[in-house]
Amino acid sequence: MNTVEIKITGRVQGIGMRNCVRHLAGKLNIRGEVMNVPDGTVRILATLDPIILDKFISMIYGCPRALIRDIEISKVESRTFNDFSIIRAAD
């Protein structure tokens, strides 16, 4: 299992993106967190099997009302999450 940071740019705030990402993560048994960032992006930290990463990313592009301009993926230090949650403190 790897932990990755996924940064999504475009029209991705105020349209239900975090709920969509949490729903998709639940379907794929991914653990982590999603949050809005003050710069207008959405940031995901996720611990998942590398084989699932491409599927997760392609499913994110299908989130309704989102207009995704770019998705950047970076491997980060391994983290352990109990579930997949929405972090609201960054709003």
PDB file of N, CA and C in Angstrom:
ATOM      1  N   MET A   1       0.841  -1.182   0.000  1.00  0.00           N
ATOM      2  CA  MET A   1       0.000   0.000   0.000  1.00  0.00           C
ATOM      3  C   MET A   1       0.883   1.241   0.000  1.00  0.00           C
ATOM      4  N   ASN A   2       0.514   2.191  -0.848  1.00  0.00           N
ATOM      5  CA  ASN A   2       1.220   3.465  -0.935  1.00  0.00           C
ATOM      6  C   ASN A   2       0.291   4.587  -0.509  1.00  0.00           C
ATOM      7  N   THR A   3       0.884   5.662  -0.008  1.00  0.00           N
ATOM      8  CA  THR A   3       0.118   6.869   0.270  1.00  0.00           C
ATOM      9  C   THR A   3       0.481   7.895  -0.792  1.00  0.00           C
ATOM     10  N   VAL A   4      -0.547   8.483  -1.394  1.00  0.00           N
ATOM     11  CA  VAL A   4      -0.336   9.488  -2.434  1.00  0.00           C
ATOM     12  C   VAL A   4      -1.109  10.751  -2.083  1.00  0.00           C
ATOM     13  N   GLU A   5      -0.593  11.868  -2.583  1.00  0.00           N
ATOM     14  CA  GLU A   5      -1.315  13.131  -2.524  1.00  0.00           C
ATOM     15  C   GLU A   5      -1.805  13.412  -3.938  1.00  0.00           C
ATOM     16  N   ILE A   6      -3.085  13.692  -4.054  1.00  0.00           N
ATOM     17  CA  ILE A   6      -3.695  13.981  -5.344  1.00  0.00           C
ATOM     18  C   ILE A   6      -4.233  15.406  -5.275  1.00  0.00           C
ATOM     19  N   LYS A   7      -3.763  16.259  -6.169  1.00  0.00           N
ATOM     20  CA  LYS A   7      -4.198  17.659  -6.219  1.00  0.00           C
ATOM     21  C   LYS A   7      -5.026  17.849  -7.485  1.00  0.00           C
ATOM     22  N   ILE A   8      -6.267  18.297  -7.303  1.00  0.00           N
ATOM     23  CA  ILE A   8      -7.192  18.455  -8.419  1.00  0.00           C
ATOM     24  C   ILE A   8      -7.459  19.939  -8.625  1.00  0.00           C
ATOM     25  N   THR A   9      -7.236  20.411  -9.847  1.00  0.00           N
ATOM     26  CA  THR A   9      -7.495  21.814 -10.170  1.00  0.00           C
ATOM     27  C   THR A   9      -8.624  21.912 -11.191  1.00  0.00           C
ATOM     28  N   GLY A  10      -9.256  23.078 -11.215  1.00  0.00           N
ATOM     29  CA  GLY A  10     -10.379  23.330 -12.103  1.00  0.00           C
ATOM     30  C   GLY A  10     -11.534  23.884 -11.291  1.00  0.00           C
ATOM     31  N   ARG A  11     -12.761  23.663 -11.777  1.00  0.00           N
ATOM     32  CA  ARG A  11     -13.932  24.041 -10.982  1.00  0.00           C
ATOM     33  C   ARG A  11     -14.277  22.830 -10.125  1.00  0.00           C
ATOM     34  N   VAL A  12     -13.707  22.801  -8.926  1.00  0.00           N
ATOM     35  CA  VAL A  12     -13.806  21.604  -8.093  1.00  0.00           C
ATOM     36  C   VAL A  12     -14.278  21.896  -6.671  1.00  0.00           C
ATOM     37  N   GLN A  13     -14.568  23.150  -6.362  1.00  0.00           N
ATOM     38  CA  GLN A  13     -15.086  23.482  -5.034  1.00  0.00           C
ATOM     39  C   GLN A  13     -16.507  24.010  -5.148  1.00  0.00           C
ATOM     40  N   GLY A  14     -17.323  23.686  -4.138  1.00  0.00           N
ATOM     41  CA  GLY A  14     -18.700  24.155  -4.119  1.00  0.00           C
ATOM     42  C   GLY A  14     -19.623  23.389  -5.041  1.00  0.00           C
ATOM     43  N   ILE A  15     -19.194  22.204  -5.482  1.00  0.00           N
ATOM     44  CA  ILE A  15     -20.003  21.430  -6.431  1.00  0.00           C
ATOM     45  C   ILE A  15     -20.189  19.973  -5.977  1.00  0.00           C
ATOM     46  N   GLY A  16     -19.811  19.662  -4.733  1.00  0.00           N
ATOM     47  CA  GLY A  16     -19.972  18.305  -4.219  1.00  0.00           C
ATOM     48  C   GLY A  16     -18.810  17.372  -4.521  1.00  0.00           C
ATOM     49  N   MET A  17     -17.675  17.938  -4.876  1.00  0.00           N
ATOM     50  CA  MET A  17     -16.512  17.117  -5.249  1.00  0.00           C
ATOM     51  C   MET A  17     -16.038  16.236  -4.101  1.00  0.00           C
ATOM     52  N   ARG A  18     -15.960  16.796  -2.888  1.00  0.00           N
ATOM     53  CA  ARG A  18     -15.462  15.995  -1.759  1.00  0.00           C
ATOM     54  C   ARG A  18     -16.381  14.807  -1.479  1.00  0.00           C
ATOM     55  N   ASN A  19     -17.694  15.027  -1.556  1.00  0.00           N
ATOM     56  CA  ASN A  19     -18.630  13.919  -1.344  1.00  0.00           C
ATOM     57  C   ASN A  19     -18.474  12.856  -2.417  1.00  0.00           C
ATOM     58  N   CYS A  20     -18.292  13.287  -3.655  1.00  0.00           N
ATOM     59  CA  CYS A  20     -18.094  12.345  -4.756  1.00  0.00           C
ATOM     60  C   CYS A  20     -16.832  11.516  -4.526  1.00  0.00           C
ATOM     61  N   VAL A  21     -15.741  12.186  -4.165  1.00  0.00           N
ATOM     62  CA  VAL A  21     -14.475  11.483  -3.932  1.00  0.00           C
ATOM     63  C   VAL A  21     -14.620  10.484  -2.786  1.00  0.00           C
ATOM     64  N   ARG A  22     -15.289  10.891  -1.705  1.00  0.00           N
ATOM     65  CA  ARG A  22     -15.488   9.974  -0.572  1.00  0.00           C
ATOM     66  C   ARG A  22     -16.310   8.757  -1.004  1.00  0.00           C
ATOM     67  N   HIS A  23     -17.331   8.977  -1.803  1.00  0.00           N
ATOM     68  CA  HIS A  23     -18.161   7.875  -2.301  1.00  0.00           C
ATOM     69  C   HIS A  23     -17.329   6.901  -3.149  1.00  0.00           C
ATOM     70  N   LEU A  24     -16.522   7.442  -4.059  1.00  0.00           N
ATOM     71  CA  LEU A  24     -15.678   6.593  -4.909  1.00  0.00           C
ATOM     72  C   LEU A  24     -14.660   5.819  -4.081  1.00  0.00           C
ATOM     73  N   ALA A  25     -14.074   6.494  -3.102  1.00  0.00           N
ATOM     74  CA  ALA A  25     -13.094   5.831  -2.236  1.00  0.00           C
ATOM     75  C   ALA A  25     -13.741   4.661  -1.498  1.00  0.00           C
ATOM     76  N   GLY A  26     -14.972   4.849  -1.054  1.00  0.00           N
ATOM     77  CA  GLY A  26     -15.682   3.768  -0.377  1.00  0.00           C
ATOM     78  C   GLY A  26     -15.899   2.572  -1.284  1.00  0.00           C
ATOM     79  N   LYS A  27     -16.234   2.825  -2.547  1.00  0.00           N
ATOM     80  CA  LYS A  27     -16.436   1.735  -3.506  1.00  0.00           C
ATOM     81  C   LYS A  27     -15.159   0.931  -3.738  1.00  0.00           C
ATOM     82  N   LEU A  28     -14.010   1.621  -3.679  1.00  0.00           N
ATOM     83  CA  LEU A  28     -12.727   0.971  -3.975  1.00  0.00           C
ATOM     84  C   LEU A  28     -11.951   0.575  -2.719  1.00  0.00           C
ATOM     85  N   ASN A  29     -12.577   0.759  -1.546  1.00  0.00           N
ATOM     86  CA  ASN A  29     -11.944   0.421  -0.270  1.00  0.00           C
ATOM     87  C   ASN A  29     -10.632   1.187  -0.066  1.00  0.00           C
ATOM     88  N   ILE A  30     -10.655   2.474  -0.403  1.00  0.00           N
ATOM     89  CA  ILE A  30      -9.500   3.353  -0.227  1.00  0.00           C
ATOM     90  C   ILE A  30      -9.676   4.110   1.079  1.00  0.00           C
ATOM     91  N   ARG A  31      -8.597   4.253   1.810  1.00  0.00           N
ATOM     92  CA  ARG A  31      -8.623   5.003   3.063  1.00  0.00           C
ATOM     93  C   ARG A  31      -7.855   6.308   2.879  1.00  0.00           C
ATOM     94  N   GLY A  32      -8.329   7.373   3.550  1.00  0.00           N
ATOM     95  CA  GLY A  32      -7.640   8.648   3.438  1.00  0.00           C
ATOM     96  C   GLY A  32      -8.542   9.804   3.788  1.00  0.00           C
ATOM     97  N   GLU A  33      -8.288  10.957   3.139  1.00  0.00           N
ATOM     98  CA  GLU A  33      -9.060  12.160   3.422  1.00  0.00           C
ATOM     99  C   GLU A  33      -9.068  13.065   2.197  1.00  0.00           C
ATOM    100  N   VAL A  34     -10.083  13.909   2.137  1.00  0.00           N
ATOM    101  CA  VAL A  34     -10.209  14.876   1.047  1.00  0.00           C
ATOM    102  C   VAL A  34     -10.568  16.223   1.658  1.00  0.00           C
ATOM    103  N   MET A  35     -10.006  17.298   1.099  1.00  0.00           N
ATOM    104  CA  MET A  35     -10.283  18.627   1.638  1.00  0.00           C
ATOM    105  C   MET A  35     -10.212  19.687   0.547  1.00  0.00           C
ATOM    106  N   ASN A  36     -10.956  20.771   0.756  1.00  0.00           N
ATOM    107  CA  ASN A  36     -10.799  21.958  -0.072  1.00  0.00           C
ATOM    108  C   ASN A  36      -9.579  22.713   0.430  1.00  0.00           C
ATOM    109  N   VAL A  37      -8.826  23.297  -0.488  1.00  0.00           N
ATOM    110  CA  VAL A  37      -7.645  24.082  -0.145  1.00  0.00           C
ATOM    111  C   VAL A  37      -7.939  25.538  -0.519  1.00  0.00           C
ATOM    112  N   PRO A  38      -7.470  26.507   0.276  1.00  0.00           N
ATOM    113  CA  PRO A  38      -7.778  27.912  -0.009  1.00  0.00           C
ATOM    114  C   PRO A  38      -7.407  28.385  -1.419  1.00  0.00           C
ATOM    115  N   ASP A  39      -6.478  27.721  -2.093  1.00  0.00           N
ATOM    116  CA  ASP A  39      -6.104  28.146  -3.453  1.00  0.00           C
ATOM    117  C   ASP A  39      -7.108  27.696  -4.519  1.00  0.00           C
ATOM    118  N   GLY A  40      -8.230  27.067  -4.085  1.00  0.00           N
ATOM    119  CA  GLY A  40      -9.270  26.656  -5.024  1.00  0.00           C
ATOM    120  C   GLY A  40      -9.163  25.220  -5.503  1.00  0.00           C
ATOM    121  N   THR A  41      -8.152  24.507  -5.038  1.00  0.00           N
ATOM    122  CA  THR A  41      -7.980  23.109  -5.435  1.00  0.00           C
ATOM    123  C   THR A  41      -8.617  22.179  -4.410  1.00  0.00           C
ATOM    124  N   VAL A  42      -8.694  20.920  -4.768  1.00  0.00           N
ATOM    125  CA  VAL A  42      -9.090  19.866  -3.839  1.00  0.00           C
ATOM    126  C   VAL A  42      -7.882  18.966  -3.659  1.00  0.00           C
ATOM    127  N   ARG A  43      -7.596  18.619  -2.410  1.00  0.00           N
ATOM    128  CA  ARG A  43      -6.438  17.783  -2.079  1.00  0.00           C
ATOM    129  C   ARG A  43      -6.929  16.484  -1.459  1.00  0.00           C
ATOM    130  N   ILE A  44      -6.392  15.388  -1.970  1.00  0.00           N
ATOM    131  CA  ILE A  44      -6.711  14.060  -1.451  1.00  0.00           C
ATOM    132  C   ILE A  44      -5.424  13.437  -0.938  1.00  0.00           C
ATOM    133  N   LEU A  45      -5.467  12.881   0.252  1.00  0.00           N
ATOM    134  CA  LEU A  45      -4.414  11.998   0.743  1.00  0.00           C
ATOM    135  C   LEU A  45      -5.050  10.625   0.807  1.00  0.00           C
ATOM    136  N   ALA A  46      -4.453   9.657   0.144  1.00  0.00           N
ATOM    137  CA  ALA A  46      -5.070   8.336   0.071  1.00  0.00           C
ATOM    138  C   ALA A  46      -4.027   7.244   0.196  1.00  0.00           C
ATOM    139  N   THR A  47      -4.362   6.237   0.985  1.00  0.00           N
ATOM    140  CA  THR A  47      -3.536   5.048   1.089  1.00  0.00           C
ATOM    141  C   THR A  47      -4.264   3.946   0.335  1.00  0.00           C
ATOM    142  N   LEU A  48      -3.585   3.430  -0.703  1.00  0.00           N
ATOM    143  CA  LEU A  48      -4.251   2.476  -1.582  1.00  0.00           C
ATOM    144  C   LEU A  48      -3.238   1.599  -2.293  1.00  0.00           C
ATOM    145  N   ASP A  49      -3.741   0.532  -2.849  1.00  0.00           N
ATOM    146  CA  ASP A  49      -2.930  -0.355  -3.673  1.00  0.00           C
ATOM    147  C   ASP A  49      -2.627   0.375  -4.977  1.00  0.00           C
ATOM    148  N   PRO A  50      -1.372   0.397  -5.418  1.00  0.00           N
ATOM    149  CA  PRO A  50      -1.031   1.111  -6.653  1.00  0.00           C
ATOM    150  C   PRO A  50      -1.846   0.671  -7.869  1.00  0.00           C
ATOM    151  N   ILE A  51      -2.307  -0.561  -7.875  1.00  0.00           N
ATOM    152  CA  ILE A  51      -3.102  -1.072  -8.991  1.00  0.00           C
ATOM    153  C   ILE A  51      -4.443  -0.337  -9.088  1.00  0.00           C
ATOM    154  N   ILE A  52      -4.961   0.133  -7.968  1.00  0.00           N
ATOM    155  CA  ILE A  52      -6.264   0.800  -7.929  1.00  0.00           C
ATOM    156  C   ILE A  52      -6.157   2.282  -8.288  1.00  0.00           C
ATOM    157  N   LEU A  53      -4.970   2.866  -8.200  1.00  0.00           N
ATOM    158  CA  LEU A  53      -4.809   4.308  -8.393  1.00  0.00           C
ATOM    159  C   LEU A  53      -5.377   4.788  -9.731  1.00  0.00           C
ATOM    160  N   ASP A  54      -5.035   4.139 -10.826  1.00  0.00           N
ATOM    161  CA  ASP A  54      -5.528   4.574 -12.140  1.00  0.00           C
ATOM    162  C   ASP A  54      -7.051   4.526 -12.216  1.00  0.00           C
ATOM    163  N   LYS A  55      -7.645   3.488 -11.657  1.00  0.00           N
ATOM    164  CA  LYS A  55      -9.108   3.373 -11.660  1.00  0.00           C
ATOM    165  C   LYS A  55      -9.725   4.506 -10.843  1.00  0.00           C
ATOM    166  N   PHE A  56      -9.161   4.789  -9.672  1.00  0.00           N
ATOM    167  CA  PHE A  56      -9.650   5.868  -8.814  1.00  0.00           C
ATOM    168  C   PHE A  56      -9.596   7.203  -9.563  1.00  0.00           C
ATOM    169  N   ILE A  57      -8.477   7.491 -10.202  1.00  0.00           N
ATOM    170  CA  ILE A  57      -8.323   8.748 -10.938  1.00  0.00           C
ATOM    171  C   ILE A  57      -9.348   8.844 -12.066  1.00  0.00           C
ATOM    172  N   SER A  58      -9.528   7.778 -12.824  1.00  0.00           N
ATOM    173  CA  SER A  58     -10.493   7.834 -13.932  1.00  0.00           C
ATOM    174  C   SER A  58     -11.911   8.030 -13.410  1.00  0.00           C
ATOM    175  N   MET A  59     -12.224   7.465 -12.256  1.00  0.00           N
ATOM    176  CA  MET A  59     -13.549   7.650 -11.671  1.00  0.00           C
ATOM    177  C   MET A  59     -13.742   9.083 -11.170  1.00  0.00           C
ATOM    178  N   ILE A  60     -12.681   9.705 -10.656  1.00  0.00           N
ATOM    179  CA  ILE A  60     -12.771  11.094 -10.194  1.00  0.00           C
ATOM    180  C   ILE A  60     -13.176  12.012 -11.347  1.00  0.00           C
ATOM    181  N   TYR A  61     -12.657  11.753 -12.540  1.00  0.00           N
ATOM    182  CA  TYR A  61     -13.026  12.567 -13.707  1.00  0.00           C
ATOM    183  C   TYR A  61     -14.527  12.512 -13.982  1.00  0.00           C
ATOM    184  N   GLY A  62     -15.219  11.500 -13.478  1.00  0.00           N
ATOM    185  CA  GLY A  62     -16.653  11.374 -13.694  1.00  0.00           C
ATOM    186  C   GLY A  62     -17.515  12.044 -12.643  1.00  0.00           C
ATOM    187  N   CYS A  63     -16.917  12.732 -11.680  1.00  0.00           N
ATOM    188  CA  CYS A  63     -17.719  13.408 -10.654  1.00  0.00           C
ATOM    189  C   CYS A  63     -18.613  14.465 -11.304  1.00  0.00           C
ATOM    190  N   PRO A  64     -19.915  14.427 -11.004  1.00  0.00           N
ATOM    191  CA  PRO A  64     -20.845  15.368 -11.626  1.00  0.00           C
ATOM    192  C   PRO A  64     -20.511  16.820 -11.278  1.00  0.00           C
ATOM    193  N   ARG A  65     -20.746  17.710 -12.201  1.00  0.00           N
ATOM    194  CA  ARG A  65     -20.589  19.162 -12.077  1.00  0.00           C
ATOM    195  C   ARG A  65     -19.144  19.625 -11.952  1.00  0.00           C
ATOM    196  N   ALA A  66     -18.195  18.729 -11.823  1.00  0.00           N
ATOM    197  CA  ALA A  66     -16.786  19.130 -11.744  1.00  0.00           C
ATOM    198  C   ALA A  66     -16.244  19.370 -13.150  1.00  0.00           C
ATOM    199  N   LEU A  67     -15.452  20.413 -13.280  1.00  0.00           N
ATOM    200  CA  LEU A  67     -14.709  20.665 -14.515  1.00  0.00           C
ATOM    201  C   LEU A  67     -13.232  20.583 -14.152  1.00  0.00           C
ATOM    202  N   ILE A  68     -12.669  19.407 -14.296  1.00  0.00           N
ATOM    203  CA  ILE A  68     -11.296  19.157 -13.869  1.00  0.00           C
ATOM    204  C   ILE A  68     -10.333  19.611 -14.954  1.00  0.00           C
ATOM    205  N   ARG A  69      -9.418  20.477 -14.568  1.00  0.00           N
ATOM    206  CA  ARG A  69      -8.386  20.956 -15.486  1.00  0.00           C
ATOM    207  C   ARG A  69      -7.157  20.051 -15.424  1.00  0.00           C
ATOM    208  N   ASP A  70      -6.777  19.637 -14.208  1.00  0.00           N
ATOM    209  CA  ASP A  70      -5.566  18.832 -14.061  1.00  0.00           C
ATOM    210  C   ASP A  70      -5.633  18.038 -12.768  1.00  0.00           C
ATOM    211  N   ILE A  71      -4.971  16.891 -12.770  1.00  0.00           N
ATOM    212  CA  ILE A  71      -4.788  16.092 -11.562  1.00  0.00           C
ATOM    213  C   ILE A  71      -3.306  15.776 -11.447  1.00  0.00           C
ATOM    214  N   GLU A  72      -2.713  16.183 -10.316  1.00  0.00           N
ATOM    215  CA  GLU A  72      -1.309  15.893 -10.041  1.00  0.00           C
ATOM    216  C   GLU A  72      -1.240  14.850  -8.934  1.00  0.00           C
ATOM    217  N   ILE A  73      -0.390  13.863  -9.121  1.00  0.00           N
ATOM    218  CA  ILE A  73      -0.242  12.785  -8.143  1.00  0.00           C
ATOM    219  C   ILE A  73       1.199  12.757  -7.668  1.00  0.00           C
ATOM    220  N   SER A  74       1.376  12.751  -6.342  1.00  0.00           N
ATOM    221  CA  SER A  74       2.711  12.671  -5.748  1.00  0.00           C
ATOM    222  C   SER A  74       2.706  11.601  -4.674  1.00  0.00           C
ATOM    223  N   LYS A  75       3.737  10.785  -4.648  1.00  0.00           N
ATOM    224  CA  LYS A  75       3.886   9.822  -3.566  1.00  0.00           C
ATOM    225  C   LYS A  75       4.396  10.577  -2.343  1.00  0.00           C
ATOM    226  N   VAL A  76       3.809  10.309  -1.190  1.00  0.00           N
ATOM    227  CA  VAL A  76       4.193  10.970   0.053  1.00  0.00           C
ATOM    228  C   VAL A  76       4.509   9.915   1.106  1.00  0.00           C
ATOM    229  N   GLU A  77       4.983  10.381   2.244  1.00  0.00           N
ATOM    230  CA  GLU A  77       5.303   9.471   3.341  1.00  0.00           C
ATOM    231  C   GLU A  77       4.069   8.653   3.708  1.00  0.00           C
ATOM    232  N   SER A  78       4.275   7.383   3.954  1.00  0.00           N
ATOM    233  CA  SER A  78       3.175   6.467   4.251  1.00  0.00           C
ATOM    234  C   SER A  78       2.386   6.930   5.475  1.00  0.00           C
ATOM    235  N   ARG A  79       1.057   6.867   5.356  1.00  0.00           N
ATOM    236  CA  ARG A  79       0.164   7.218   6.463  1.00  0.00           C
ATOM    237  C   ARG A  79      -0.865   6.119   6.621  1.00  0.00           C
ATOM    238  N   THR A  80      -1.378   6.009   7.824  1.00  0.00           N
ATOM    239  CA  THR A  80      -2.430   5.040   8.111  1.00  0.00           C
ATOM    240  C   THR A  80      -3.718   5.800   8.413  1.00  0.00           C
ATOM    241  N   PHE A  81      -4.774   5.445   7.721  1.00  0.00           N
ATOM    242  CA  PHE A  81      -6.093   6.039   7.933  1.00  0.00           C
ATOM    243  C   PHE A  81      -7.055   4.918   8.303  1.00  0.00           C
ATOM    244  N   ASN A  82      -8.021   5.222   9.172  1.00  0.00           N
ATOM    245  CA  ASN A  82      -9.021   4.229   9.566  1.00  0.00           C
ATOM    246  C   ASN A  82     -10.162   4.132   8.564  1.00  0.00           C
ATOM    247  N   ASP A  83     -10.410   5.221   7.850  1.00  0.00           N
ATOM    248  CA  ASP A  83     -11.520   5.279   6.900  1.00  0.00           C
ATOM    249  C   ASP A  83     -11.203   6.360   5.871  1.00  0.00           C
ATOM    250  N   PHE A  84     -12.195   6.804   5.138  1.00  0.00           N
ATOM    251  CA  PHE A  84     -12.004   7.916   4.208  1.00  0.00           C
ATOM    252  C   PHE A  84     -12.925   9.030   4.664  1.00  0.00           C
ATOM    253  N   SER A  85     -12.355  10.190   4.971  1.00  0.00           N
ATOM    254  CA  SER A  85     -13.156  11.262   5.546  1.00  0.00           C
ATOM    255  C   SER A  85     -12.985  12.577   4.798  1.00  0.00           C
ATOM    256  N   ILE A  86     -13.989  13.421   4.973  1.00  0.00           N
ATOM    257  CA  ILE A  86     -13.944  14.780   4.449  1.00  0.00           C
ATOM    258  C   ILE A  86     -13.421  15.672   5.564  1.00  0.00           C
ATOM    259  N   ILE A  87     -12.372  16.424   5.265  1.00  0.00           N
ATOM    260  CA  ILE A  87     -11.817  17.377   6.224  1.00  0.00           C
ATOM    261  C   ILE A  87     -12.409  18.742   5.895  1.00  0.00           C
ATOM    262  N   ARG A  88     -13.090  19.324   6.848  1.00  0.00           N
ATOM    263  CA  ARG A  88     -13.768  20.596   6.605  1.00  0.00           C
ATOM    264  C   ARG A  88     -12.977  21.792   7.122  1.00  0.00           C
ATOM    265  N   ALA A  89     -11.928  21.577   7.888  1.00  0.00           N
ATOM    266  CA  ALA A  89     -11.166  22.672   8.504  1.00  0.00           C
ATOM    267  C   ALA A  89     -10.497  23.575   7.483  1.00  0.00           C
ATOM    268  N   ALA A  90     -10.225  23.088   6.282  1.00  0.00           N
ATOM    269  CA  ALA A  90      -9.535  23.890   5.268  1.00  0.00           C
ATOM    270  C   ALA A  90     -10.490  24.799   4.501  1.00  0.00           C
ATOM    271  N   ASP A  91     -11.805  24.715   4.784  1.00  0.00           N
ATOM    272  CA  ASP A  91     -12.786  25.561   4.076  1.00  0.00           C
ATOM    273  C   ASP A  91     -12.570  27.023   4.386  1.00  0.00           C
TER     274      ASP A  91
END
